[in-house]
Amino acid sequence: MATRNMEDYLEAILDLQNNKGYIKAKDIADKLEVKRPSVSEMTKKLKESNFVSYEKYGGITFTEKGRKLAREIRKRHDLFADFLRIIGVSEKNSQRDACKIEHDVSPETVECLINFIKTIR
C-alpha cells in the first residue's frame, strides 16, 4: 500500500516522464521542491514496494504496478481539480487543493463525482 508521500512521488514521476521521457532524481527534487537525499530515500522505498526500477546514478522507470497506480492518482487529481474549477475555484487553488483531496477519497466518491461531472456537462 502506498503512502500519501509515495503517491506524490509517483505522480511527479509520471508528470516528468510525460514531459521529458526520462526521470532523474534531480528532476524529482526540483519538481517537488525537496532535497536530493529525500528523493533517494523515497526512491528506495518505491523500489522496495515494486513501484519503480532504479539503479544508483541511473534513471528511474515505472514497473507496471507503479505506472498503474500513478495513472490512477493522476486521474483522481484531474477529476478533483476539474470539479473545483467547475464550482468556481481558481486554477492555482484547484490544483493545490486537488493534491490534498486526491489521497483521502474512496472509490465510491470518485465514481459519484465522475457521474456528477458528466451530468453537469
PDB file of N, CA and C in Angstrom:
ATOM      1  N   MET A   1       0.847  -1.187   0.000  1.00  0.00           N
ATOM      2  CA  MET A   1       0.000   0.000   0.000  1.00  0.00           C
ATOM      3  C   MET A   1       0.885   1.241   0.000  1.00  0.00           C
ATOM      4  N   ALA A   2       0.533   2.172  -0.825  1.00  0.00           N
ATOM      5  CA  ALA A   2       1.320   3.396  -0.958  1.00  0.00           C
ATOM      6  C   ALA A   2       0.861   4.433   0.062  1.00  0.00           C
ATOM      7  N   THR A   3       1.823   5.152   0.596  1.00  0.00           N
ATOM      8  CA  THR A   3       1.515   6.253   1.497  1.00  0.00           C
ATOM      9  C   THR A   3       1.201   7.495   0.671  1.00  0.00           C
ATOM     10  N   ARG A   4       0.691   8.503   1.331  1.00  0.00           N
ATOM     11  CA  ARG A   4       0.411   9.781   0.669  1.00  0.00           C
ATOM     12  C   ARG A   4       1.682  10.326   0.012  1.00  0.00           C
ATOM     13  N   ASN A   5       2.783  10.254   0.723  1.00  0.00           N
ATOM     14  CA  ASN A   5       4.051  10.766   0.205  1.00  0.00           C
ATOM     15  C   ASN A   5       4.506   9.953  -1.021  1.00  0.00           C
ATOM     16  N   MET A   6       4.346   8.655  -0.957  1.00  0.00           N
ATOM     17  CA  MET A   6       4.696   7.812  -2.102  1.00  0.00           C
ATOM     18  C   MET A   6       3.847   8.187  -3.314  1.00  0.00           C
ATOM     19  N   GLU A   7       2.565   8.428  -3.081  1.00  0.00           N
ATOM     20  CA  GLU A   7       1.678   8.815  -4.175  1.00  0.00           C
ATOM     21  C   GLU A   7       2.113  10.136  -4.799  1.00  0.00           C
ATOM     22  N   ASP A   8       2.542  11.084  -3.967  1.00  0.00           N
ATOM     23  CA  ASP A   8       3.030  12.361  -4.505  1.00  0.00           C
ATOM     24  C   ASP A   8       4.240  12.136  -5.410  1.00  0.00           C
ATOM     25  N   TYR A   9       5.133  11.275  -4.993  1.00  0.00           N
ATOM     26  CA  TYR A   9       6.313  10.976  -5.801  1.00  0.00           C
ATOM     27  C   TYR A   9       5.927  10.271  -7.101  1.00  0.00           C
ATOM     28  N   LEU A  10       5.021   9.307  -7.011  1.00  0.00           N
ATOM     29  CA  LEU A  10       4.599   8.590  -8.218  1.00  0.00           C
ATOM     30  C   LEU A  10       3.953   9.543  -9.213  1.00  0.00           C
ATOM     31  N   GLU A  11       3.142  10.450  -8.720  1.00  0.00           N
ATOM     32  CA  GLU A  11       2.503  11.427  -9.602  1.00  0.00           C
ATOM     33  C   GLU A  11       3.549  12.339 -10.242  1.00  0.00           C
ATOM     34  N   ALA A  12       4.524  12.764  -9.470  1.00  0.00           N
ATOM     35  CA  ALA A  12       5.594  13.613 -10.009  1.00  0.00           C
ATOM     36  C   ALA A  12       6.404  12.861 -11.067  1.00  0.00           C
ATOM     37  N   ILE A  13       6.706  11.606 -10.805  1.00  0.00           N
ATOM     38  CA  ILE A  13       7.461  10.799 -11.768  1.00  0.00           C
ATOM     39  C   ILE A  13       6.660  10.657 -13.060  1.00  0.00           C
ATOM     40  N   LEU A  14       5.357  10.429 -12.951  1.00  0.00           N
ATOM     41  CA  LEU A  14       4.516  10.313 -14.140  1.00  0.00           C
ATOM     42  C   LEU A  14       4.525  11.612 -14.941  1.00  0.00           C
ATOM     43  N   ASP A  15       4.372  12.735 -14.269  1.00  0.00           N
ATOM     44  CA  ASP A  15       4.401  14.028 -14.957  1.00  0.00           C
ATOM     45  C   ASP A  15       5.735  14.247 -15.663  1.00  0.00           C
ATOM     46  N   LEU A  16       6.819  13.943 -14.979  1.00  0.00           N
ATOM     47  CA  LEU A  16       8.143  14.117 -15.581  1.00  0.00           C
ATOM     48  C   LEU A  16       8.330  13.194 -16.776  1.00  0.00           C
ATOM     49  N   GLN A  17       7.887  11.972 -16.639  1.00  0.00           N
ATOM     50  CA  GLN A  17       8.021  11.022 -17.740  1.00  0.00           C
ATOM     51  C   GLN A  17       7.238  11.504 -18.957  1.00  0.00           C
ATOM     52  N   ASN A  18       6.043  12.016 -18.723  1.00  0.00           N
ATOM     53  CA  ASN A  18       5.221  12.506 -19.831  1.00  0.00           C
ATOM     54  C   ASN A  18       5.823  13.734 -20.488  1.00  0.00           C
ATOM     55  N   ASN A  19       6.507  14.560 -19.711  1.00  0.00           N
ATOM     56  CA  ASN A  19       7.076  15.798 -20.246  1.00  0.00           C
ATOM     57  C   ASN A  19       8.496  15.642 -20.783  1.00  0.00           C
ATOM     58  N   LYS A  20       9.293  14.800 -20.144  1.00  0.00           N
ATOM     59  CA  LYS A  20      10.704  14.683 -20.516  1.00  0.00           C
ATOM     60  C   LYS A  20      11.056  13.337 -21.136  1.00  0.00           C
ATOM     61  N   GLY A  21      10.308  12.325 -20.798  1.00  0.00           N
ATOM     62  CA  GLY A  21      10.595  10.997 -21.320  1.00  0.00           C
ATOM     63  C   GLY A  21      11.527  10.177 -20.436  1.00  0.00           C
ATOM     64  N   TYR A  22      12.204  10.818 -19.519  1.00  0.00           N
ATOM     65  CA  TYR A  22      13.106  10.111 -18.598  1.00  0.00           C
ATOM     66  C   TYR A  22      13.073  10.833 -17.258  1.00  0.00           C
ATOM     67  N   ILE A  23      13.508  10.138 -16.228  1.00  0.00           N
ATOM     68  CA  ILE A  23      13.452  10.721 -14.896  1.00  0.00           C
ATOM     69  C   ILE A  23      14.775  10.502 -14.178  1.00  0.00           C
ATOM     70  N   LYS A  24      15.291  11.566 -13.639  1.00  0.00           N
ATOM     71  CA  LYS A  24      16.472  11.525 -12.781  1.00  0.00           C
ATOM     72  C   LYS A  24      16.059  12.062 -11.405  1.00  0.00           C
ATOM     73  N   ALA A  25      16.794  11.690 -10.390  1.00  0.00           N
ATOM     74  CA  ALA A  25      16.487  12.134  -9.028  1.00  0.00           C
ATOM     75  C   ALA A  25      16.447  13.658  -8.933  1.00  0.00           C
ATOM     76  N   LYS A  26      17.336  14.323  -9.637  1.00  0.00           N
ATOM     77  CA  LYS A  26      17.378  15.786  -9.608  1.00  0.00           C
ATOM     78  C   LYS A  26      16.077  16.381 -10.127  1.00  0.00           C
ATOM     79  N   ASP A  27      15.513  15.770 -11.167  1.00  0.00           N
ATOM     80  CA  ASP A  27      14.247  16.259 -11.727  1.00  0.00           C
ATOM     81  C   ASP A  27      13.125  16.182 -10.696  1.00  0.00           C
ATOM     82  N   ILE A  28      13.077  15.069  -9.973  1.00  0.00           N
ATOM     83  CA  ILE A  28      12.043  14.889  -8.954  1.00  0.00           C
ATOM     84  C   ILE A  28      12.239  15.900  -7.828  1.00  0.00           C
ATOM     85  N   ALA A  29      13.487  16.077  -7.401  1.00  0.00           N
ATOM     86  CA  ALA A  29      13.780  17.034  -6.334  1.00  0.00           C
ATOM     87  C   ALA A  29      13.336  18.437  -6.736  1.00  0.00           C
ATOM     88  N   ASP A  30      13.627  18.817  -7.971  1.00  0.00           N
ATOM     89  CA  ASP A  30      13.229  20.141  -8.444  1.00  0.00           C
ATOM     90  C   ASP A  30      11.704  20.275  -8.490  1.00  0.00           C
ATOM     91  N   LYS A  31      11.037  19.263  -9.006  1.00  0.00           N
ATOM     92  CA  LYS A  31       9.576  19.321  -9.152  1.00  0.00           C
ATOM     93  C   LYS A  31       8.865  19.378  -7.805  1.00  0.00           C
ATOM     94  N   LEU A  32       9.311  18.568  -6.862  1.00  0.00           N
ATOM     95  CA  LEU A  32       8.667  18.504  -5.554  1.00  0.00           C
ATOM     96  C   LEU A  32       9.248  19.487  -4.541  1.00  0.00           C
ATOM     97  N   GLU A  33      10.301  20.195  -4.956  1.00  0.00           N
ATOM     98  CA  GLU A  33      10.977  21.153  -4.088  1.00  0.00           C
ATOM     99  C   GLU A  33      11.446  20.501  -2.790  1.00  0.00           C
ATOM    100  N   VAL A  34      12.149  19.372  -2.967  1.00  0.00           N
ATOM    101  CA  VAL A  34      12.753  18.653  -1.849  1.00  0.00           C
ATOM    102  C   VAL A  34      14.232  18.461  -2.149  1.00  0.00           C
ATOM    103  N   LYS A  35      14.963  18.029  -1.150  1.00  0.00           N
ATOM    104  CA  LYS A  35      16.396  17.793  -1.335  1.00  0.00           C
ATOM    105  C   LYS A  35      16.623  16.418  -1.956  1.00  0.00           C
ATOM    106  N   ARG A  36      17.737  16.284  -2.652  1.00  0.00           N
ATOM    107  CA  ARG A  36      18.027  15.027  -3.345  1.00  0.00           C
ATOM    108  C   ARG A  36      18.123  13.830  -2.413  1.00  0.00           C
ATOM    109  N   PRO A  37      18.675  13.973  -1.187  1.00  0.00           N
ATOM    110  CA  PRO A  37      18.684  12.812  -0.293  1.00  0.00           C
ATOM    111  C   PRO A  37      17.264  12.304   0.014  1.00  0.00           C
ATOM    112  N   SER A  38      16.294  13.216   0.081  1.00  0.00           N
ATOM    113  CA  SER A  38      14.898  12.798   0.303  1.00  0.00           C
ATOM    114  C   SER A  38      14.403  11.981  -0.884  1.00  0.00           C
ATOM    115  N   VAL A  39      14.782  12.395  -2.085  1.00  0.00           N
ATOM    116  CA  VAL A  39      14.385  11.660  -3.285  1.00  0.00           C
ATOM    117  C   VAL A  39      15.033  10.283  -3.285  1.00  0.00           C
ATOM    118  N   SER A  40      16.297  10.214  -2.916  1.00  0.00           N
ATOM    119  CA  SER A  40      16.987   8.922  -2.872  1.00  0.00           C
ATOM    120  C   SER A  40      16.321   7.973  -1.888  1.00  0.00           C
ATOM    121  N   GLU A  41      15.965   8.492  -0.733  1.00  0.00           N
ATOM    122  CA  GLU A  41      15.312   7.663   0.288  1.00  0.00           C
ATOM    123  C   GLU A  41      13.950   7.162  -0.215  1.00  0.00           C
ATOM    124  N   MET A  42      13.166   8.055  -0.806  1.00  0.00           N
ATOM    125  CA  MET A  42      11.849   7.648  -1.289  1.00  0.00           C
ATOM    126  C   MET A  42      11.970   6.708  -2.482  1.00  0.00           C
ATOM    127  N   THR A  43      12.944   6.933  -3.331  1.00  0.00           N
ATOM    128  CA  THR A  43      13.130   6.057  -4.484  1.00  0.00           C
ATOM    129  C   THR A  43      13.424   4.635  -4.027  1.00  0.00           C
ATOM    130  N   LYS A  44      14.194   4.501  -2.973  1.00  0.00           N
ATOM    131  CA  LYS A  44      14.467   3.171  -2.411  1.00  0.00           C
ATOM    132  C   LYS A  44      13.169   2.525  -1.928  1.00  0.00           C
ATOM    133  N   LYS A  45      12.330   3.304  -1.249  1.00  0.00           N
ATOM    134  CA  LYS A  45      11.054   2.774  -0.760  1.00  0.00           C
ATOM    135  C   LYS A  45      10.143   2.378  -1.916  1.00  0.00           C
ATOM    136  N   LEU A  46      10.117   3.197  -2.948  1.00  0.00           N
ATOM    137  CA  LEU A  46       9.291   2.897  -4.118  1.00  0.00           C
ATOM    138  C   LEU A  46       9.788   1.634  -4.819  1.00  0.00           C
ATOM    139  N   LYS A  47      11.096   1.461  -4.852  1.00  0.00           N
ATOM    140  CA  LYS A  47      11.672   0.255  -5.457  1.00  0.00           C
ATOM    141  C   LYS A  47      11.327  -0.969  -4.617  1.00  0.00           C
ATOM    142  N   GLU A  48      11.458  -0.861  -3.301  1.00  0.00           N
ATOM    143  CA  GLU A  48      11.132  -1.973  -2.399  1.00  0.00           C
ATOM    144  C   GLU A  48       9.655  -2.378  -2.501  1.00  0.00           C
ATOM    145  N   SER A  49       8.810  -1.407  -2.809  1.00  0.00           N
ATOM    146  CA  SER A  49       7.375  -1.675  -2.954  1.00  0.00           C
ATOM    147  C   SER A  49       7.010  -2.079  -4.382  1.00  0.00           C
ATOM    148  N   ASN A  50       8.020  -2.213  -5.224  1.00  0.00           N
ATOM    149  CA  ASN A  50       7.842  -2.627  -6.618  1.00  0.00           C
ATOM    150  C   ASN A  50       7.031  -1.624  -7.447  1.00  0.00           C
ATOM    151  N   PHE A  51       7.203  -0.333  -7.166  1.00  0.00           N
ATOM    152  CA  PHE A  51       6.566   0.703  -7.960  1.00  0.00           C
ATOM    153  C   PHE A  51       7.497   1.252  -9.038  1.00  0.00           C
ATOM    154  N   VAL A  52       8.806   1.218  -8.787  1.00  0.00           N
ATOM    155  CA  VAL A  52       9.775   1.716  -9.764  1.00  0.00           C
ATOM    156  C   VAL A  52      10.979   0.782  -9.826  1.00  0.00           C
ATOM    157  N   SER A  53      11.693   0.928 -10.919  1.00  0.00           N
ATOM    158  CA  SER A  53      13.009   0.307 -11.054  1.00  0.00           C
ATOM    159  C   SER A  53      14.019   1.439 -11.018  1.00  0.00           C
ATOM    160  N   TYR A  54      15.125   1.197 -10.337  1.00  0.00           N
ATOM    161  CA  TYR A  54      16.097   2.269 -10.179  1.00  0.00           C
ATOM    162  C   TYR A  54      17.452   1.668  -9.836  1.00  0.00           C
ATOM    163  N   GLU A  55      18.457   2.156 -10.507  1.00  0.00           N
ATOM    164  CA  GLU A  55      19.835   1.817 -10.179  1.00  0.00           C
ATOM    165  C   GLU A  55      20.531   3.109  -9.782  1.00  0.00           C
ATOM    166  N   LYS A  56      21.352   3.047  -8.762  1.00  0.00           N
ATOM    167  CA  LYS A  56      22.036   4.232  -8.268  1.00  0.00           C
ATOM    168  C   LYS A  56      22.728   4.954  -9.431  1.00  0.00           C
ATOM    169  N   TYR A  57      22.516   6.265  -9.499  1.00  0.00           N
ATOM    170  CA  TYR A  57      23.047   7.151 -10.539  1.00  0.00           C
ATOM    171  C   TYR A  57      22.427   6.895 -11.914  1.00  0.00           C
ATOM    172  N   GLY A  58      21.389   6.099 -11.954  1.00  0.00           N
ATOM    173  CA  GLY A  58      20.709   5.836 -13.218  1.00  0.00           C
ATOM    174  C   GLY A  58      19.348   6.492 -13.247  1.00  0.00           C
ATOM    175  N   GLY A  59      18.596   6.177 -14.271  1.00  0.00           N
ATOM    176  CA  GLY A  59      17.258   6.713 -14.407  1.00  0.00           C
ATOM    177  C   GLY A  59      16.252   5.913 -13.601  1.00  0.00           C
ATOM    178  N   ILE A  60      15.103   6.483 -13.446  1.00  0.00           N
ATOM    179  CA  ILE A  60      14.014   5.860 -12.703  1.00  0.00           C
ATOM    180  C   ILE A  60      12.927   5.507 -13.710  1.00  0.00           C
ATOM    181  N   THR A  61      12.448   4.274 -13.666  1.00  0.00           N
ATOM    182  CA  THR A  61      11.380   3.853 -14.556  1.00  0.00           C
ATOM    183  C   THR A  61      10.291   3.170 -13.731  1.00  0.00           C
ATOM    184  N   PHE A  62       9.082   3.237 -14.247  1.00  0.00           N
ATOM    185  CA  PHE A  62       7.967   2.583 -13.579  1.00  0.00           C
ATOM    186  C   PHE A  62       7.983   1.086 -13.810  1.00  0.00           C
ATOM    187  N   THR A  63       7.526   0.361 -12.813  1.00  0.00           N
ATOM    188  CA  THR A  63       7.102  -1.020 -13.026  1.00  0.00           C
ATOM    189  C   THR A  63       5.656  -0.910 -13.505  1.00  0.00           C
ATOM    190  N   GLU A  64       5.083  -1.997 -13.963  1.00  0.00           N
ATOM    191  CA  GLU A  64       3.677  -1.962 -14.385  1.00  0.00           C
ATOM    192  C   GLU A  64       2.779  -1.561 -13.215  1.00  0.00           C
ATOM    193  N   LYS A  65       3.073  -2.095 -12.038  1.00  0.00           N
ATOM    194  CA  LYS A  65       2.310  -1.765 -10.831  1.00  0.00           C
ATOM    195  C   LYS A  65       2.391  -0.267 -10.527  1.00  0.00           C
ATOM    196  N   GLY A  66       3.580   0.291 -10.626  1.00  0.00           N
ATOM    197  CA  GLY A  66       3.779   1.711 -10.342  1.00  0.00           C
ATOM    198  C   GLY A  66       3.101   2.607 -11.358  1.00  0.00           C
ATOM    199  N   ARG A  67       3.193   2.245 -12.637  1.00  0.00           N
ATOM    200  CA  ARG A  67       2.564   3.032 -13.694  1.00  0.00           C
ATOM    201  C   ARG A  67       1.038   3.050 -13.507  1.00  0.00           C
ATOM    202  N   LYS A  68       0.474   1.891 -13.184  1.00  0.00           N
ATOM    203  CA  LYS A  68      -0.971   1.792 -12.986  1.00  0.00           C
ATOM    204  C   LYS A  68      -1.422   2.690 -11.835  1.00  0.00           C
ATOM    205  N   LEU A  69      -0.714   2.626 -10.714  1.00  0.00           N
ATOM    206  CA  LEU A  69      -1.082   3.443  -9.565  1.00  0.00           C
ATOM    207  C   LEU A  69      -0.900   4.929  -9.867  1.00  0.00           C
ATOM    208  N   ALA A  70       0.186   5.290 -10.523  1.00  0.00           N
ATOM    209  CA  ALA A  70       0.439   6.695 -10.857  1.00  0.00           C
ATOM    210  C   ALA A  70      -0.672   7.246 -11.752  1.00  0.00           C
ATOM    211  N   ARG A  71      -1.126   6.452 -12.700  1.00  0.00           N
ATOM    212  CA  ARG A  71      -2.223   6.891 -13.578  1.00  0.00           C
ATOM    213  C   ARG A  71      -3.524   7.057 -12.801  1.00  0.00           C
ATOM    214  N   GLU A  72      -3.776   6.179 -11.842  1.00  0.00           N
ATOM    215  CA  GLU A  72      -4.976   6.312 -11.004  1.00  0.00           C
ATOM    216  C   GLU A  72      -4.909   7.587 -10.170  1.00  0.00           C
ATOM    217  N   ILE A  73      -3.748   7.877  -9.624  1.00  0.00           N
ATOM    218  CA  ILE A  73      -3.564   9.090  -8.821  1.00  0.00           C
ATOM    219  C   ILE A  73      -3.787  10.318  -9.695  1.00  0.00           C
ATOM    220  N   ARG A  74      -3.200  10.322 -10.887  1.00  0.00           N
ATOM    221  CA  ARG A  74      -3.352  11.449 -11.813  1.00  0.00           C
ATOM    222  C   ARG A  74      -4.826  11.626 -12.195  1.00  0.00           C
ATOM    223  N   LYS A  75      -5.518  10.527 -12.417  1.00  0.00           N
ATOM    224  CA  LYS A  75      -6.940  10.592 -12.776  1.00  0.00           C
ATOM    225  C   LYS A  75      -7.740  11.235 -11.643  1.00  0.00           C
ATOM    226  N   ARG A  76      -7.479  10.820 -10.404  1.00  0.00           N
ATOM    227  CA  ARG A  76      -8.173  11.415  -9.258  1.00  0.00           C
ATOM    228  C   ARG A  76      -7.852  12.899  -9.139  1.00  0.00           C
ATOM    229  N   HIS A  77      -6.582  13.228  -9.312  1.00  0.00           N
ATOM    230  CA  HIS A  77      -6.167  14.631  -9.220  1.00  0.00           C
ATOM    231  C   HIS A  77      -6.908  15.474 -10.253  1.00  0.00           C
ATOM    232  N   ASP A  78      -6.889  15.022 -11.495  1.00  0.00           N
ATOM    233  CA  ASP A  78      -7.546  15.775 -12.569  1.00  0.00           C
ATOM    234  C   ASP A  78      -9.043  15.899 -12.325  1.00  0.00           C
ATOM    235  N   LEU A  79      -9.648  14.841 -11.824  1.00  0.00           N
ATOM    236  CA  LEU A  79     -11.072  14.848 -11.527  1.00  0.00           C
ATOM    237  C   LEU A  79     -11.404  15.917 -10.485  1.00  0.00           C
ATOM    238  N   PHE A  80     -10.655  15.927  -9.392  1.00  0.00           N
ATOM    239  CA  PHE A  80     -10.932  16.895  -8.341  1.00  0.00           C
ATOM    240  C   PHE A  80     -10.598  18.317  -8.767  1.00  0.00           C
ATOM    241  N   ALA A  81      -9.522  18.497  -9.503  1.00  0.00           N
ATOM    242  CA  ALA A  81      -9.190  19.834  -9.994  1.00  0.00           C
ATOM    243  C   ALA A  81     -10.291  20.333 -10.924  1.00  0.00           C
ATOM    244  N   ASP A  82     -10.785  19.459 -11.779  1.00  0.00           N
ATOM    245  CA  ASP A  82     -11.868  19.815 -12.704  1.00  0.00           C
ATOM    246  C   ASP A  82     -13.119  20.217 -11.919  1.00  0.00           C
ATOM    247  N   PHE A  83     -13.495  19.411 -10.956  1.00  0.00           N
ATOM    248  CA  PHE A  83     -14.668  19.711 -10.130  1.00  0.00           C
ATOM    249  C   PHE A  83     -14.506  21.058  -9.430  1.00  0.00           C
ATOM    250  N   LEU A  84     -13.360  21.302  -8.848  1.00  0.00           N
ATOM    251  CA  LEU A  84     -13.140  22.550  -8.128  1.00  0.00           C
ATOM    252  C   LEU A  84     -13.227  23.759  -9.062  1.00  0.00           C
ATOM    253  N   ARG A  85     -12.708  23.623 -10.277  1.00  0.00           N
ATOM    254  CA  ARG A  85     -12.828  24.712 -11.257  1.00  0.00           C
ATOM    255  C   ARG A  85     -14.297  24.937 -11.635  1.00  0.00           C
ATOM    256  N   ILE A  86     -15.066  23.850 -11.788  1.00  0.00           N
ATOM    257  CA  ILE A  86     -16.484  23.958 -12.131  1.00  0.00           C
ATOM    258  C   ILE A  86     -17.240  24.775 -11.086  1.00  0.00           C
ATOM    259  N   ILE A  87     -16.890  24.592  -9.824  1.00  0.00           N
ATOM    260  CA  ILE A  87     -17.609  25.322  -8.773  1.00  0.00           C
ATOM    261  C   ILE A  87     -16.997  26.701  -8.490  1.00  0.00           C
ATOM    262  N   GLY A  88     -16.014  27.104  -9.313  1.00  0.00           N
ATOM    263  CA  GLY A  88     -15.506  28.466  -9.234  1.00  0.00           C
ATOM    264  C   GLY A  88     -14.170  28.671  -8.567  1.00  0.00           C
ATOM    265  N   VAL A  89     -13.498  27.602  -8.201  1.00  0.00           N
ATOM    266  CA  VAL A  89     -12.175  27.728  -7.569  1.00  0.00           C
ATOM    267  C   VAL A  89     -11.152  28.092  -8.646  1.00  0.00           C
ATOM    268  N   SER A  90     -10.222  28.963  -8.311  1.00  0.00           N
ATOM    269  CA  SER A  90      -9.193  29.385  -9.265  1.00  0.00           C
ATOM    270  C   SER A  90      -8.321  28.203  -9.674  1.00  0.00           C
ATOM    271  N   GLU A  91      -7.655  28.329 -10.809  1.00  0.00           N
ATOM    272  CA  GLU A  91      -6.775  27.263 -11.305  1.00  0.00           C
ATOM    273  C   GLU A  91      -5.701  26.918 -10.279  1.00  0.00           C
ATOM    274  N   LYS A  92      -5.044  27.932  -9.751  1.00  0.00           N
ATOM    275  CA  LYS A  92      -3.962  27.704  -8.778  1.00  0.00           C
ATOM    276  C   LYS A  92      -4.481  26.942  -7.561  1.00  0.00           C
ATOM    277  N   ASN A  93      -5.579  27.404  -6.999  1.00  0.00           N
ATOM    278  CA  ASN A  93      -6.118  26.746  -5.812  1.00  0.00           C
ATOM    279  C   ASN A  93      -6.714  25.386  -6.128  1.00  0.00           C
ATOM    280  N   SER A  94      -7.305  25.234  -7.311  1.00  0.00           N
ATOM    281  CA  SER A  94      -7.877  23.930  -7.660  1.00  0.00           C
ATOM    282  C   SER A  94      -6.776  22.875  -7.757  1.00  0.00           C
ATOM    283  N   GLN A  95      -5.630  23.239  -8.293  1.00  0.00           N
ATOM    284  CA  GLN A  95      -4.513  22.293  -8.387  1.00  0.00           C
ATOM    285  C   GLN A  95      -3.967  21.954  -7.004  1.00  0.00           C
ATOM    286  N   ARG A  96      -3.771  22.975  -6.187  1.00  0.00           N
ATOM    287  CA  ARG A  96      -3.235  22.757  -4.835  1.00  0.00           C
ATOM    288  C   ARG A  96      -4.188  21.913  -3.990  1.00  0.00           C
ATOM    289  N   ASP A  97      -5.472  22.262  -4.044  1.00  0.00           N
ATOM    290  CA  ASP A  97      -6.445  21.546  -3.237  1.00  0.00           C
ATOM    291  C   ASP A  97      -6.666  20.122  -3.740  1.00  0.00           C
ATOM    292  N   ALA A  98      -6.631  19.929  -5.044  1.00  0.00           N
ATOM    293  CA  ALA A  98      -6.770  18.576  -5.607  1.00  0.00           C
ATOM    294  C   ALA A  98      -5.660  17.670  -5.087  1.00  0.00           C
ATOM    295  N   CYS A  99      -4.460  18.220  -4.923  1.00  0.00           N
ATOM    296  CA  CYS A  99      -3.341  17.438  -4.386  1.00  0.00           C
ATOM    297  C   CYS A  99      -3.638  16.931  -2.979  1.00  0.00           C
ATOM    298  N   LYS A 100      -4.372  17.712  -2.224  1.00  0.00           N
ATOM    299  CA  LYS A 100      -4.705  17.309  -0.861  1.00  0.00           C
ATOM    300  C   LYS A 100      -5.840  16.293  -0.840  1.00  0.00           C
ATOM    301  N   ILE A 101      -6.843  16.512  -1.675  1.00  0.00           N
ATOM    302  CA  ILE A 101      -8.035  15.670  -1.666  1.00  0.00           C
ATOM    303  C   ILE A 101      -7.775  14.297  -2.277  1.00  0.00           C
ATOM    304  N   GLU A 102      -6.971  14.232  -3.315  1.00  0.00           N
ATOM    305  CA  GLU A 102      -6.821  13.009  -4.116  1.00  0.00           C
ATOM    306  C   GLU A 102      -6.393  11.782  -3.320  1.00  0.00           C
ATOM    307  N   HIS A 103      -5.767  11.973  -2.196  1.00  0.00           N
ATOM    308  CA  HIS A 103      -5.239  10.850  -1.424  1.00  0.00           C
ATOM    309  C   HIS A 103      -6.246  10.216  -0.477  1.00  0.00           C
ATOM    310  N   ASP A 104      -7.231  10.972  -0.082  1.00  0.00           N
ATOM    311  CA  ASP A 104      -8.095  10.539   1.013  1.00  0.00           C
ATOM    312  C   ASP A 104      -9.550  10.370   0.602  1.00  0.00           C
ATOM    313  N   VAL A 105      -9.776   9.792  -0.549  1.00  0.00           N
ATOM    314  CA  VAL A 105     -11.137   9.666  -1.034  1.00  0.00           C
ATOM    315  C   VAL A 105     -11.412   8.219  -1.438  1.00  0.00           C
ATOM    316  N   SER A 106     -12.625   7.791  -1.190  1.00  0.00           N
ATOM    317  CA  SER A 106     -12.991   6.408  -1.501  1.00  0.00           C
ATOM    318  C   SER A 106     -13.282   6.252  -2.989  1.00  0.00           C
ATOM    319  N   PRO A 107     -13.161   5.037  -3.497  1.00  0.00           N
ATOM    320  CA  PRO A 107     -13.531   4.777  -4.896  1.00  0.00           C
ATOM    321  C   PRO A 107     -14.987   5.148  -5.177  1.00  0.00           C
ATOM    322  N   GLU A 108     -15.867   4.959  -4.200  1.00  0.00           N
ATOM    323  CA  GLU A 108     -17.271   5.325  -4.375  1.00  0.00           C
ATOM    324  C   GLU A 108     -17.407   6.821  -4.646  1.00  0.00           C
ATOM    325  N   THR A 109     -16.694   7.634  -3.871  1.00  0.00           N
ATOM    326  CA  THR A 109     -16.752   9.081  -4.049  1.00  0.00           C
ATOM    327  C   THR A 109     -16.242   9.471  -5.429  1.00  0.00           C
ATOM    328  N   VAL A 110     -15.161   8.846  -5.863  1.00  0.00           N
ATOM    329  CA  VAL A 110     -14.617   9.131  -7.191  1.00  0.00           C
ATOM    330  C   VAL A 110     -15.654   8.818  -8.257  1.00  0.00           C
ATOM    331  N   GLU A 111     -16.270   7.663  -8.166  1.00  0.00           N
ATOM    332  CA  GLU A 111     -17.271   7.256  -9.159  1.00  0.00           C
ATOM    333  C   GLU A 111     -18.462   8.204  -9.170  1.00  0.00           C
ATOM    334  N   CYS A 112     -18.933   8.593  -7.999  1.00  0.00           N
ATOM    335  CA  CYS A 112     -20.058   9.528  -7.920  1.00  0.00           C
ATOM    336  C   CYS A 112     -19.689  10.895  -8.496  1.00  0.00           C
ATOM    337  N   LEU A 113     -18.476  11.332  -8.247  1.00  0.00           N
ATOM    338  CA  LEU A 113     -18.036  12.622  -8.776  1.00  0.00           C
ATOM    339  C   LEU A 113     -17.910  12.571 -10.297  1.00  0.00           C
ATOM    340  N   ILE A 114     -17.420  11.470 -10.822  1.00  0.00           N
ATOM    341  CA  ILE A 114     -17.349  11.302 -12.277  1.00  0.00           C
ATOM    342  C   ILE A 114     -18.753  11.425 -12.873  1.00  0.00           C
ATOM    343  N   ASN A 115     -19.710  10.736 -12.284  1.00  0.00           N
ATOM    344  CA  ASN A 115     -21.090  10.781 -12.774  1.00  0.00           C
ATOM    345  C   ASN A 115     -21.682  12.185 -12.641  1.00  0.00           C
ATOM    346  N   PHE A 116     -21.385  12.856 -11.551  1.00  0.00           N
ATOM    347  CA  PHE A 116     -21.879  14.218 -11.342  1.00  0.00           C
ATOM    348  C   PHE A 116     -21.339  15.163 -12.415  1.00  0.00           C
ATOM    349  N   ILE A 117     -20.058  15.091 -12.680  1.00  0.00           N
ATOM    350  CA  ILE A 117     -19.453  15.967 -13.679  1.00  0.00           C
ATOM    351  C   ILE A 117     -20.015  15.676 -15.061  1.00  0.00           C
ATOM    352  N   LYS A 118     -20.209  14.397 -15.380  1.00  0.00           N
ATOM    353  CA  LYS A 118     -20.818  14.036 -16.675  1.00  0.00           C
ATOM    354  C   LYS A 118     -22.212  14.636 -16.794  1.00  0.00           C
ATOM    355  N   THR A 119     -22.986  14.586 -15.711  1.00  0.00           N
ATOM    356  CA  THR A 119     -24.350  15.112 -15.718  1.00  0.00           C
ATOM    357  C   THR A 119     -24.342  16.629 -15.931  1.00  0.00           C
ATOM    358  N   ILE A 120     -23.446  17.312 -15.264  1.00  0.00           N
ATOM    359  CA  ILE A 120     -23.378  18.773 -15.367  1.00  0.00           C
ATOM    360  C   ILE A 120     -22.992  19.205 -16.783  1.00  0.00           C
ATOM    361  N   ARG A 121     -22.126  18.430 -17.398  1.00  0.00           N
ATOM    362  CA  ARG A 121     -21.669  18.802 -18.737  1.00  0.00           C
ATOM    363  C   ARG A 121     -22.681  18.386 -19.761  1.00  0.00           C
TER     364      ARG A 121
END
